[in-house]
PDB file of N, CA and C in Angstrom:
ATOM      1  N   MET A   1     -10.869  -0.857  10.780  1.00  0.00           N
ATOM      2  CA  MET A   1      -9.588  -0.111  10.345  1.00  0.00           C
ATOM      3  C   MET A   1      -9.491  -0.015   8.871  1.00  0.00           C
ATOM      4  N   PRO A   2      -8.860   1.279   8.543  1.00  0.00           N
ATOM      5  CA  PRO A   2      -8.637   1.442   6.890  1.00  0.00           C
ATOM      6  C   PRO A   2      -7.783   0.601   6.264  1.00  0.00           C
ATOM      7  N   LYS A   3      -8.092   0.033   5.173  1.00  0.00           N
ATOM      8  CA  LYS A   3      -7.101  -0.730   4.416  1.00  0.00           C
ATOM      9  C   LYS A   3      -6.514   0.139   3.197  1.00  0.00           C
ATOM     10  N   TYR A   4      -5.090  -0.295   2.996  1.00  0.00           N
ATOM     11  CA  TYR A   4      -4.404   0.232   2.107  1.00  0.00           C
ATOM     12  C   TYR A   4      -3.932  -0.875   1.276  1.00  0.00           C
ATOM     13  N   LEU A   5      -3.828  -0.520  -0.393  1.00  0.00           N
ATOM     14  CA  LEU A   5      -3.065  -1.342  -1.238  1.00  0.00           C
ATOM     15  C   LEU A   5      -1.634  -0.682  -1.477  1.00  0.00           C
ATOM     16  N   TYR A   6      -0.561  -1.454  -1.093  1.00  0.00           N
ATOM     17  CA  TYR A   6       0.666  -0.880  -1.612  1.00  0.00           C
ATOM     18  C   TYR A   6       0.935  -1.845  -2.975  1.00  0.00           C
ATOM     19  N   GLN A   7       1.354  -1.087  -3.903  1.00  0.00           N
ATOM     20  CA  GLN A   7       1.833  -1.833  -5.133  1.00  0.00           C
ATOM     21  C   GLN A   7       3.297  -1.319  -5.427  1.00  0.00           C
ATOM     22  N   ALA A   8       4.192  -2.254  -5.610  1.00  0.00           N
ATOM     23  CA  ALA A   8       5.559  -1.907  -5.675  1.00  0.00           C
ATOM     24  C   ALA A   8       6.301  -2.650  -6.656  1.00  0.00           C
ATOM     25  N   SER A   9       7.382  -1.988  -7.097  1.00  0.00           N
ATOM     26  CA  SER A   9       8.348  -2.541  -8.002  1.00  0.00           C
ATOM     27  C   SER A   9       9.784  -2.563  -7.560  1.00  0.00           C
ATOM     28  N   TYR A  10      10.642  -3.387  -7.533  1.00  0.00           N
ATOM     29  CA  TYR A  10      11.826  -3.356  -7.048  1.00  0.00           C
ATOM     30  C   TYR A  10      12.670  -2.855  -8.109  1.00  0.00           C
ATOM     31  N   THR A  11      13.527  -1.884  -7.613  1.00  0.00           N
ATOM     32  CA  THR A  11      14.802  -1.346  -8.380  1.00  0.00           C
ATOM     33  C   THR A  11      15.838  -2.294  -8.634  1.00  0.00           C
ATOM     34  N   ASP A  12      16.986  -2.246  -9.375  1.00  0.00           N
ATOM     35  CA  ASP A  12      17.977  -3.308  -9.426  1.00  0.00           C
ATOM     36  C   ASP A  12      18.606  -3.414  -8.189  1.00  0.00           C
ATOM     37  N   ALA A  13      18.839  -2.389  -7.184  1.00  0.00           N
ATOM     38  CA  ALA A  13      19.340  -2.840  -5.970  1.00  0.00           C
ATOM     39  C   ALA A  13      18.252  -3.489  -5.094  1.00  0.00           C
ATOM     40  N   GLY A  14      17.076  -3.273  -5.202  1.00  0.00           N
ATOM     41  CA  GLY A  14      16.143  -4.227  -4.501  1.00  0.00           C
ATOM     42  C   GLY A  14      15.879  -5.343  -4.917  1.00  0.00           C
ATOM     43  N   ALA A  15      16.115  -5.728  -6.140  1.00  0.00           N
ATOM     44  CA  ALA A  15      15.881  -7.215  -6.519  1.00  0.00           C
ATOM     45  C   ALA A  15      17.246  -7.771  -6.323  1.00  0.00           C
ATOM     46  N   THR A  16      18.413  -7.290  -6.043  1.00  0.00           N
ATOM     47  CA  THR A  16      19.585  -7.667  -5.655  1.00  0.00           C
ATOM     48  C   THR A  16      19.374  -8.117  -4.296  1.00  0.00           C
ATOM     49  N   GLY A  17      18.765  -7.311  -3.490  1.00  0.00           N
ATOM     50  CA  GLY A  17      18.561  -7.631  -1.949  1.00  0.00           C
ATOM     51  C   GLY A  17      17.455  -8.906  -1.770  1.00  0.00           C
ATOM     52  N   LEU A  18      16.595  -8.847  -2.610  1.00  0.00           N
ATOM     53  CA  LEU A  18      15.573  -9.899  -2.648  1.00  0.00           C
ATOM     54  C   LEU A  18      16.308 -11.253  -3.113  1.00  0.00           C
ATOM     55  N   LEU A  19      17.149 -11.131  -3.980  1.00  0.00           N
ATOM     56  CA  LEU A  19      17.750 -12.423  -4.268  1.00  0.00           C
ATOM     57  C   LEU A  19      18.661 -13.018  -3.152  1.00  0.00           C
ATOM     58  N   ASN A  20      19.095 -12.084  -2.358  1.00  0.00           N
ATOM     59  CA  ASN A  20      20.082 -12.369  -1.210  1.00  0.00           C
ATOM     60  C   ASN A  20      19.273 -12.879  -0.006  1.00  0.00           C
ATOM     61  N   GLU A  21      17.830 -12.211   0.347  1.00  0.00           N
ATOM     62  CA  GLU A  21      17.310 -12.322   1.479  1.00  0.00           C
ATOM     63  C   GLU A  21      16.198 -13.426   1.358  1.00  0.00           C
ATOM     64  N   GLY A  22      15.627 -13.434   0.195  1.00  0.00           N
ATOM     65  CA  GLY A  22      14.304 -14.183  -0.020  1.00  0.00           C
ATOM     66  C   GLY A  22      13.223 -13.527   0.156  1.00  0.00           C
ATOM     67  N   GLY A  23      12.113 -14.143  -0.193  1.00  0.00           N
ATOM     68  CA  GLY A  23      10.840 -13.552  -0.411  1.00  0.00           C
ATOM     69  C   GLY A  23      10.089 -13.529   1.219  1.00  0.00           C
ATOM     70  N   SER A  24      10.354 -14.547   2.074  1.00  0.00           N
ATOM     71  CA  SER A  24       9.558 -14.596   3.158  1.00  0.00           C
ATOM     72  C   SER A  24      10.103 -13.791   4.133  1.00  0.00           C
ATOM     73  N   SER A  25      11.329 -13.375   4.026  1.00  0.00           N
ATOM     74  CA  SER A  25      12.047 -12.500   5.075  1.00  0.00           C
ATOM     75  C   SER A  25      11.527 -10.963   4.776  1.00  0.00           C
ATOM     76  N   ARG A  26      11.231 -10.829   3.449  1.00  0.00           N
ATOM     77  CA  ARG A  26      10.787  -9.402   3.074  1.00  0.00           C
ATOM     78  C   ARG A  26       9.287  -9.343   3.566  1.00  0.00           C
ATOM     79  N   ARG A  27       8.533 -10.496   3.479  1.00  0.00           N
ATOM     80  CA  ARG A  27       7.246 -10.130   4.100  1.00  0.00           C
ATOM     81  C   ARG A  27       7.226 -10.042   5.582  1.00  0.00           C
ATOM     82  N   GLN A  28       8.190 -10.589   6.149  1.00  0.00           N
ATOM     83  CA  GLN A  28       8.253 -10.197   7.663  1.00  0.00           C
ATOM     84  C   GLN A  28       8.579  -8.768   7.833  1.00  0.00           C
ATOM     85  N   VAL A  29       9.458  -8.228   7.092  1.00  0.00           N
ATOM     86  CA  VAL A  29       9.731  -6.730   7.300  1.00  0.00           C
ATOM     87  C   VAL A  29       8.595  -6.001   7.028  1.00  0.00           C
ATOM     88  N   PHE A  30       7.579  -6.199   6.114  1.00  0.00           N
ATOM     89  CA  PHE A  30       6.455  -5.318   5.798  1.00  0.00           C
ATOM     90  C   PHE A  30       5.380  -5.485   6.976  1.00  0.00           C
ATOM     91  N   ALA A  31       5.355  -6.825   7.536  1.00  0.00           N
ATOM     92  CA  ALA A  31       4.362  -7.223   8.657  1.00  0.00           C
ATOM     93  C   ALA A  31       4.894  -6.438   9.842  1.00  0.00           C
ATOM     94  N   ASP A  32       5.948  -6.332  10.043  1.00  0.00           N
ATOM     95  CA  ASP A  32       6.748  -5.647  11.294  1.00  0.00           C
ATOM     96  C   ASP A  32       6.457  -4.108  11.067  1.00  0.00           C
ATOM     97  N   LEU A  33       6.607  -3.633   9.813  1.00  0.00           N
ATOM     98  CA  LEU A  33       6.242  -2.104   9.429  1.00  0.00           C
ATOM     99  C   LEU A  33       5.022  -1.836   9.815  1.00  0.00           C
ATOM    100  N   ALA A  34       3.905  -2.672   9.400  1.00  0.00           N
ATOM    101  CA  ALA A  34       2.569  -2.454   9.549  1.00  0.00           C
ATOM    102  C   ALA A  34       2.322  -2.300  11.188  1.00  0.00           C
ATOM    103  N   ALA A  35       2.807  -3.479  11.799  1.00  0.00           N
ATOM    104  CA  ALA A  35       2.508  -3.688  13.526  1.00  0.00           C
ATOM    105  C   ALA A  35       3.096  -2.384  14.010  1.00  0.00           C
ATOM    106  N   GLU A  36       4.418  -1.804  13.730  1.00  0.00           N
ATOM    107  CA  GLU A  36       4.931  -0.757  14.314  1.00  0.00           C
ATOM    108  C   GLU A  36       3.895   0.608  14.130  1.00  0.00           C
ATOM    109  N   GLN A  37       3.144   0.488  13.212  1.00  0.00           N
ATOM    110  CA  GLN A  37       2.229   1.638  12.993  1.00  0.00           C
ATOM    111  C   GLN A  37       0.911   1.378  13.402  1.00  0.00           C
ATOM    112  N   GLY A  38       0.624   0.242  14.389  1.00  0.00           N
ATOM    113  CA  GLY A  38      -0.591  -0.135  14.885  1.00  0.00           C
ATOM    114  C   GLY A  38      -1.521  -0.683  13.918  1.00  0.00           C
ATOM    115  N   GLY A  39      -0.880  -1.530  12.884  1.00  0.00           N
ATOM    116  CA  GLY A  39      -1.815  -2.147  11.972  1.00  0.00           C
ATOM    117  C   GLY A  39      -1.350  -3.663  11.818  1.00  0.00           C
ATOM    118  N   SER A  40      -1.825  -4.314  10.622  1.00  0.00           N
ATOM    119  CA  SER A  40      -1.277  -5.511  10.354  1.00  0.00           C
ATOM    120  C   SER A  40      -1.268  -5.762   8.888  1.00  0.00           C
ATOM    121  N   LEU A  41      -0.607  -6.884   8.417  1.00  0.00           N
ATOM    122  CA  LEU A  41      -0.448  -7.078   6.863  1.00  0.00           C
ATOM    123  C   LEU A  41      -1.410  -8.210   6.684  1.00  0.00           C
ATOM    124  N   GLU A  42      -2.484  -7.709   5.857  1.00  0.00           N
ATOM    125  CA  GLU A  42      -3.319  -8.709   5.625  1.00  0.00           C
ATOM    126  C   GLU A  42      -3.043  -9.756   4.362  1.00  0.00           C
ATOM    127  N   ALA A  43      -2.367  -9.164   3.325  1.00  0.00           N
ATOM    128  CA  ALA A  43      -1.928 -10.013   2.151  1.00  0.00           C
ATOM    129  C   ALA A  43      -0.679  -9.392   1.690  1.00  0.00           C
ATOM    130  N   PHE A  44      -0.005 -10.491   1.163  1.00  0.00           N
ATOM    131  CA  PHE A  44       1.320 -10.026   0.656  1.00  0.00           C
ATOM    132  C   PHE A  44       1.708 -11.119  -0.536  1.00  0.00           C
ATOM    133  N   TYR A  45       1.699 -10.593  -1.747  1.00  0.00           N
ATOM    134  CA  TYR A  45       1.745 -11.286  -2.983  1.00  0.00           C
ATOM    135  C   TYR A  45       2.931 -10.841  -3.892  1.00  0.00           C
ATOM    136  N   TYR A  46       3.767 -11.660  -4.256  1.00  0.00           N
ATOM    137  CA  TYR A  46       4.632 -11.397  -5.532  1.00  0.00           C
ATOM    138  C   TYR A  46       3.946 -11.561  -6.909  1.00  0.00           C
ATOM    139  N   ALA A  47       4.528 -10.722  -7.813  1.00  0.00           N
ATOM    140  CA  ALA A  47       3.614 -10.958  -9.249  1.00  0.00           C
ATOM    141  C   ALA A  47       4.729 -10.596 -10.428  1.00  0.00           C
ATOM    142  N   PHE A  48       4.140 -10.966 -11.227  1.00  0.00           N
ATOM    143  CA  PHE A  48       4.740 -10.750 -12.766  1.00  0.00           C
ATOM    144  C   PHE A  48       4.010  -9.556 -13.316  1.00  0.00           C
ATOM    145  N   GLY A  49       4.738  -8.848 -14.032  1.00  0.00           N
ATOM    146  CA  GLY A  49       4.000  -7.654 -14.493  1.00  0.00           C
ATOM    147  C   GLY A  49       4.754  -6.125 -14.212  1.00  0.00           C
ATOM    148  N   SER A  50       3.963  -5.220 -14.324  1.00  0.00           N
ATOM    149  CA  SER A  50       4.491  -3.887 -13.965  1.00  0.00           C
ATOM    150  C   SER A  50       4.519  -3.555 -12.698  1.00  0.00           C
ATOM    151  N   SER A  51       4.056  -4.363 -11.731  1.00  0.00           N
ATOM    152  CA  SER A  51       4.364  -4.402 -10.380  1.00  0.00           C
ATOM    153  C   SER A  51       4.999  -5.776  -9.812  1.00  0.00           C
ATOM    154  N   ASP A  52       5.840  -5.691  -8.977  1.00  0.00           N
ATOM    155  CA  ASP A  52       6.518  -6.833  -8.526  1.00  0.00           C
ATOM    156  C   ASP A  52       5.874  -7.437  -7.163  1.00  0.00           C
ATOM    157  N   LEU A  53       5.192  -6.618  -6.457  1.00  0.00           N
ATOM    158  CA  LEU A  53       4.746  -6.962  -5.290  1.00  0.00           C
ATOM    159  C   LEU A  53       3.217  -6.021  -4.716  1.00  0.00           C
ATOM    160  N   PHE A  54       2.436  -6.863  -4.136  1.00  0.00           N
ATOM    161  CA  PHE A  54       1.089  -6.276  -3.811  1.00  0.00           C
ATOM    162  C   PHE A  54       0.909  -6.539  -2.110  1.00  0.00           C
ATOM    163  N   MET A  55       0.544  -5.568  -1.558  1.00  0.00           N
ATOM    164  CA  MET A  55       0.397  -5.843  -0.282  1.00  0.00           C
ATOM    165  C   MET A  55      -1.103  -5.175   0.318  1.00  0.00           C
ATOM    166  N   ILE A  56      -1.672  -5.736   0.890  1.00  0.00           N
ATOM    167  CA  ILE A  56      -2.987  -5.193   1.576  1.00  0.00           C
ATOM    168  C   ILE A  56      -2.533  -5.038   3.176  1.00  0.00           C
ATOM    169  N   VAL A  57      -2.685  -3.830   3.661  1.00  0.00           N
ATOM    170  CA  VAL A  57      -2.381  -3.739   4.871  1.00  0.00           C
ATOM    171  C   VAL A  57      -3.505  -2.803   5.601  1.00  0.00           C
ATOM    172  N   ASP A  58      -3.840  -3.206   7.002  1.00  0.00           N
ATOM    173  CA  ASP A  58      -4.814  -2.419   7.816  1.00  0.00           C
ATOM    174  C   ASP A  58      -4.113  -1.703   8.616  1.00  0.00           C
ATOM    175  N   LEU A  59      -4.285  -0.323   8.595  1.00  0.00           N
ATOM    176  CA  LEU A  59      -3.616   0.770   9.321  1.00  0.00           C
ATOM    177  C   LEU A  59      -4.530   1.773  10.087  1.00  0.00           C
ATOM    178  N   PRO A  60      -3.968   2.446  11.077  1.00  0.00           N
ATOM    179  CA  PRO A  60      -4.949   3.242  11.754  1.00  0.00           C
ATOM    180  C   PRO A  60      -5.384   4.360  10.905  1.00  0.00           C
ATOM    181  N   ASP A  61      -4.678   4.962  10.044  1.00  0.00           N
ATOM    182  CA  ASP A  61      -5.014   6.238   9.332  1.00  0.00           C
ATOM    183  C   ASP A  61      -4.024   6.353   8.248  1.00  0.00           C
ATOM    184  N   ALA A  62      -4.484   7.359   7.390  1.00  0.00           N
ATOM    185  CA  ALA A  62      -3.725   7.767   6.201  1.00  0.00           C
ATOM    186  C   ALA A  62      -2.155   8.357   6.504  1.00  0.00           C
ATOM    187  N   VAL A  63      -2.322   8.858   7.619  1.00  0.00           N
ATOM    188  CA  VAL A  63      -0.955   9.469   8.196  1.00  0.00           C
ATOM    189  C   VAL A  63       0.049   8.262   8.300  1.00  0.00           C
ATOM    190  N   SER A  64      -0.396   7.092   8.889  1.00  0.00           N
ATOM    191  CA  SER A  64       0.608   5.804   9.170  1.00  0.00           C
ATOM    192  C   SER A  64       0.798   5.098   7.700  1.00  0.00           C
ATOM    193  N   ALA A  65      -0.186   5.390   6.688  1.00  0.00           N
ATOM    194  CA  ALA A  65       0.119   4.574   5.552  1.00  0.00           C
ATOM    195  C   ALA A  65       1.215   5.575   4.648  1.00  0.00           C
ATOM    196  N   ALA A  66       1.095   6.970   4.762  1.00  0.00           N
ATOM    197  CA  ALA A  66       1.955   7.691   4.226  1.00  0.00           C
ATOM    198  C   ALA A  66       3.453   7.597   4.953  1.00  0.00           C
ATOM    199  N   ALA A  67       3.486   7.375   6.269  1.00  0.00           N
ATOM    200  CA  ALA A  67       4.693   7.255   6.865  1.00  0.00           C
ATOM    201  C   ALA A  67       5.607   5.903   6.416  1.00  0.00           C
ATOM    202  N   ILE A  68       4.800   4.849   6.139  1.00  0.00           N
ATOM    203  CA  ILE A  68       5.363   3.609   5.671  1.00  0.00           C
ATOM    204  C   ILE A  68       6.122   3.830   4.247  1.00  0.00           C
ATOM    205  N   SER A  69       5.060   4.548   3.539  1.00  0.00           N
ATOM    206  CA  SER A  69       5.283   4.749   2.061  1.00  0.00           C
ATOM    207  C   SER A  69       6.663   5.672   1.840  1.00  0.00           C
ATOM    208  N   LEU A  70       6.618   6.724   2.767  1.00  0.00           N
ATOM    209  CA  LEU A  70       7.960   7.530   2.716  1.00  0.00           C
ATOM    210  C   LEU A  70       9.140   6.858   3.189  1.00  0.00           C
ATOM    211  N   ALA A  71       8.960   6.080   4.250  1.00  0.00           N
ATOM    212  CA  ALA A  71      10.239   5.305   4.633  1.00  0.00           C
ATOM    213  C   ALA A  71      10.702   4.402   3.676  1.00  0.00           C
ATOM    214  N   VAL A  72       9.796   3.735   3.159  1.00  0.00           N
ATOM    215  CA  VAL A  72      10.258   2.472   2.193  1.00  0.00           C
ATOM    216  C   VAL A  72      10.933   3.220   0.871  1.00  0.00           C
ATOM    217  N   GLY A  73      10.035   4.263   0.580  1.00  0.00           N
ATOM    218  CA  GLY A  73      10.527   5.004  -0.962  1.00  0.00           C
ATOM    219  C   GLY A  73      11.770   5.711  -0.719  1.00  0.00           C
ATOM    220  N   ALA A  74      12.192   6.181   0.444  1.00  0.00           N
ATOM    221  CA  ALA A  74      13.338   6.926   0.679  1.00  0.00           C
ATOM    222  C   ALA A  74      14.575   6.187   0.567  1.00  0.00           C
ATOM    223  N   ARG A  75      14.455   4.735   0.811  1.00  0.00           N
ATOM    224  CA  ARG A  75      15.542   3.783   0.831  1.00  0.00           C
ATOM    225  C   ARG A  75      16.082   3.626  -0.580  1.00  0.00           C
ATOM    226  N   GLY A  76      15.244   3.674  -1.640  1.00  0.00           N
ATOM    227  CA  GLY A  76      15.556   3.468  -3.073  1.00  0.00           C
ATOM    228  C   GLY A  76      15.448   2.192  -3.597  1.00  0.00           C
ATOM    229  N   ALA A  77      15.089   1.074  -2.644  1.00  0.00           N
ATOM    230  CA  ALA A  77      15.258  -0.254  -3.297  1.00  0.00           C
ATOM    231  C   ALA A  77      13.988  -0.511  -4.036  1.00  0.00           C
ATOM    232  N   ILE A  78      12.721   0.154  -3.602  1.00  0.00           N
ATOM    233  CA  ILE A  78      11.470  -0.065  -4.119  1.00  0.00           C
ATOM    234  C   ILE A  78      10.728   1.130  -4.408  1.00  0.00           C
ATOM    235  N   ARG A  79      10.128   1.191  -5.498  1.00  0.00           N
ATOM    236  CA  ARG A  79       9.265   2.236  -5.942  1.00  0.00           C
ATOM    237  C   ARG A  79       7.587   1.778  -5.577  1.00  0.00           C
ATOM    238  N   MET A  80       7.192   2.715  -4.785  1.00  0.00           N
ATOM    239  CA  MET A  80       5.718   2.056  -4.308  1.00  0.00           C
ATOM    240  C   MET A  80       4.660   3.189  -4.346  1.00  0.00           C
ATOM    241  N   SER A  81       3.494   2.688  -4.670  1.00  0.00           N
ATOM    242  CA  SER A  81       2.301   3.531  -4.797  1.00  0.00           C
ATOM    243  C   SER A  81       1.368   2.859  -3.758  1.00  0.00           C
ATOM    244  N   THR A  82       0.444   4.004  -3.167  1.00  0.00           N
ATOM    245  CA  THR A  82      -0.384   3.608  -2.251  1.00  0.00           C
ATOM    246  C   THR A  82      -1.692   3.938  -2.664  1.00  0.00           C
ATOM    247  N   VAL A  83      -2.750   2.978  -2.474  1.00  0.00           N
ATOM    248  CA  VAL A  83      -4.246   3.006  -2.640  1.00  0.00           C
ATOM    249  C   VAL A  83      -4.918   2.880  -1.658  1.00  0.00           C
ATOM    250  N   THR A  84      -5.870   3.903  -1.273  1.00  0.00           N
ATOM    251  CA  THR A  84      -6.875   3.727  -0.117  1.00  0.00           C
ATOM    252  C   THR A  84      -8.018   2.670  -0.609  1.00  0.00           C
ATOM    253  N   LEU A  85      -8.189   1.727   0.108  1.00  0.00           N
ATOM    254  CA  LEU A  85      -9.381   0.738  -0.218  1.00  0.00           C
ATOM    255  C   LEU A  85     -10.604   1.105   0.311  1.00  0.00           C
ATOM    256  N   LEU A  86     -11.694   1.014  -0.158  1.00  0.00           N
ATOM    257  CA  LEU A  86     -13.152   1.422   0.518  1.00  0.00           C
ATOM    258  C   LEU A  86     -13.795   0.143   0.241  1.00  0.00           C
ATOM    259  N   THR A  87     -14.551  -0.003   1.458  1.00  0.00           N
ATOM    260  CA  THR A  87     -15.552  -1.257   1.577  1.00  0.00           C
ATOM    261  C   THR A  87     -16.993  -0.694   0.665  1.00  0.00           C
ATOM    262  N   ALA A  88     -17.699  -1.780   0.333  1.00  0.00           N
ATOM    263  CA  ALA A  88     -18.980  -1.458  -0.224  1.00  0.00           C
ATOM    264  C   ALA A  88     -19.846  -0.391   0.529  1.00  0.00           C
ATOM    265  N   GLU A  89     -19.920  -0.561   1.963  1.00  0.00           N
ATOM    266  CA  GLU A  89     -20.559   0.202   2.921  1.00  0.00           C
ATOM    267  C   GLU A  89     -20.071   1.542   2.660  1.00  0.00           C
ATOM    268  N   GLU A  90     -18.859   1.751   2.596  1.00  0.00           N
ATOM    269  CA  GLU A  90     -18.354   3.168   2.587  1.00  0.00           C
ATOM    270  C   GLU A  90     -18.779   3.652   1.298  1.00  0.00           C
ATOM    271  N   ILE A  91     -18.732   3.070   0.239  1.00  0.00           N
ATOM    272  CA  ILE A  91     -19.414   3.592  -1.157  1.00  0.00           C
ATOM    273  C   ILE A  91     -20.844   3.781  -0.961  1.00  0.00           C
ATOM    274  N   ASP A  92     -21.540   2.930  -0.252  1.00  0.00           N
ATOM    275  CA  ASP A  92     -22.916   3.321  -0.253  1.00  0.00           C
ATOM    276  C   ASP A  92     -23.051   4.784   0.766  1.00  0.00           C
ATOM    277  N   ALA A  93     -22.346   5.022   1.521  1.00  0.00           N
ATOM    278  CA  ALA A  93     -22.441   6.261   2.424  1.00  0.00           C
ATOM    279  C   ALA A  93     -21.758   7.312   1.492  1.00  0.00           C
ATOM    280  N   ALA A  94     -20.994   7.186   0.574  1.00  0.00           N
ATOM    281  CA  ALA A  94     -20.657   8.299  -0.303  1.00  0.00           C
ATOM    282  C   ALA A  94     -21.870   8.749  -1.246  1.00  0.00           C
ATOM    283  N   VAL A  95     -22.502   7.592  -1.920  1.00  0.00           N
ATOM    284  CA  VAL A  95     -23.510   7.568  -2.532  1.00  0.00           C
ATOM    285  C   VAL A  95     -24.611   8.339  -2.029  1.00  0.00           C
ATOM    286  N   GLY A  96     -24.986   8.196  -0.752  1.00  0.00           N
ATOM    287  CA  GLY A  96     -25.896   9.097  -0.030  1.00  0.00           C
ATOM    288  C   GLY A  96     -25.496  10.520   0.288  1.00  0.00           C
ATOM    289  N   LYS A  97     -24.127  11.037   0.133  1.00  0.00           N
ATOM    290  CA  LYS A  97     -24.063  12.462   0.393  1.00  0.00           C
ATOM    291  C   LYS A  97     -24.328  13.353  -0.944  1.00  0.00           C
ATOM    292  N   THR A  98     -24.579  14.550  -0.537  1.00  0.00           N
ATOM    293  CA  THR A  98     -25.172  15.519  -1.672  1.00  0.00           C
ATOM    294  C   THR A  98     -24.028  15.958  -1.909  1.00  0.00           C
ATOM    295  N   VAL A  99     -23.582  16.301  -3.562  1.00  0.00           N
ATOM    296  CA  VAL A  99     -22.376  16.804  -3.790  1.00  0.00           C
ATOM    297  C   VAL A  99     -22.829  17.670  -4.939  1.00  0.00           C
ATOM    298  N   THR A 100     -22.582  19.029  -5.024  1.00  0.00           N
ATOM    299  CA  THR A 100     -22.845  19.806  -6.111  1.00  0.00           C
ATOM    300  C   THR A 100     -21.728  20.041  -6.796  1.00  0.00           C
ATOM    301  N   TYR A 101     -21.776  19.549  -8.024  1.00  0.00           N
ATOM    302  CA  TYR A 101     -20.846  19.827  -9.104  1.00  0.00           C
ATOM    303  C   TYR A 101     -21.270  20.209 -10.486  1.00  0.00           C
ATOM    304  N   ARG A 102     -20.501  21.197 -11.133  1.00  0.00           N
ATOM    305  CA  ARG A 102     -20.963  21.649 -12.534  1.00  0.00           C
ATOM    306  C   ARG A 102     -19.851  21.207 -13.317  1.00  0.00           C
ATOM    307  N   ALA A 103     -19.914  20.640 -14.411  1.00  0.00           N
ATOM    308  CA  ALA A 103     -19.001  20.158 -15.326  1.00  0.00           C
ATOM    309  C   ALA A 103     -18.673  21.389 -16.217  1.00  0.00           C
ATOM    310  N   PRO A 104     -17.421  21.327 -16.871  1.00  0.00           N
ATOM    311  CA  PRO A 104     -17.115  22.423 -17.799  1.00  0.00           C
ATOM    312  C   PRO A 104     -18.224  22.746 -18.655  1.00  0.00           C
ATOM    313  N   GLY A 105     -18.578  23.680 -19.127  1.00  0.00           N
ATOM    314  CA  GLY A 105     -19.175  24.079 -20.154  1.00  0.00           C
ATOM    315  C   GLY A 105     -20.832  23.867 -19.988  1.00  0.00           C
ATOM    316  N   ASP A 106     -21.259  23.270 -18.738  1.00  0.00           N
ATOM    317  CA  ASP A 106     -22.665  23.149 -18.102  1.00  0.00           C
ATOM    318  C   ASP A 106     -23.273  24.446 -18.131  1.00  0.00           C
TER     319      ASP A 106
END
């Protein structure tokens, strides 16, 4: 099953909600979102820095990943970006593909 990395930053409203609800309850919300889309939450970490939250989620497809991202982003409490994660074997398969590309000026 494909893996997706969500990186999120709380808005002021989101941070206020986090202070009221706590971190564990928010982890459960994202576990439930993943399950609703036919996947599972593999990892969930809060962090210091430019992102407040990192999640790795197993989901059936990119459409499911986009649905979660859109639903969460539309609420305005979190700004979230989504990264598709690839295994070493998937990179091996990509390396084995023929790609014809000409750089500008070649």
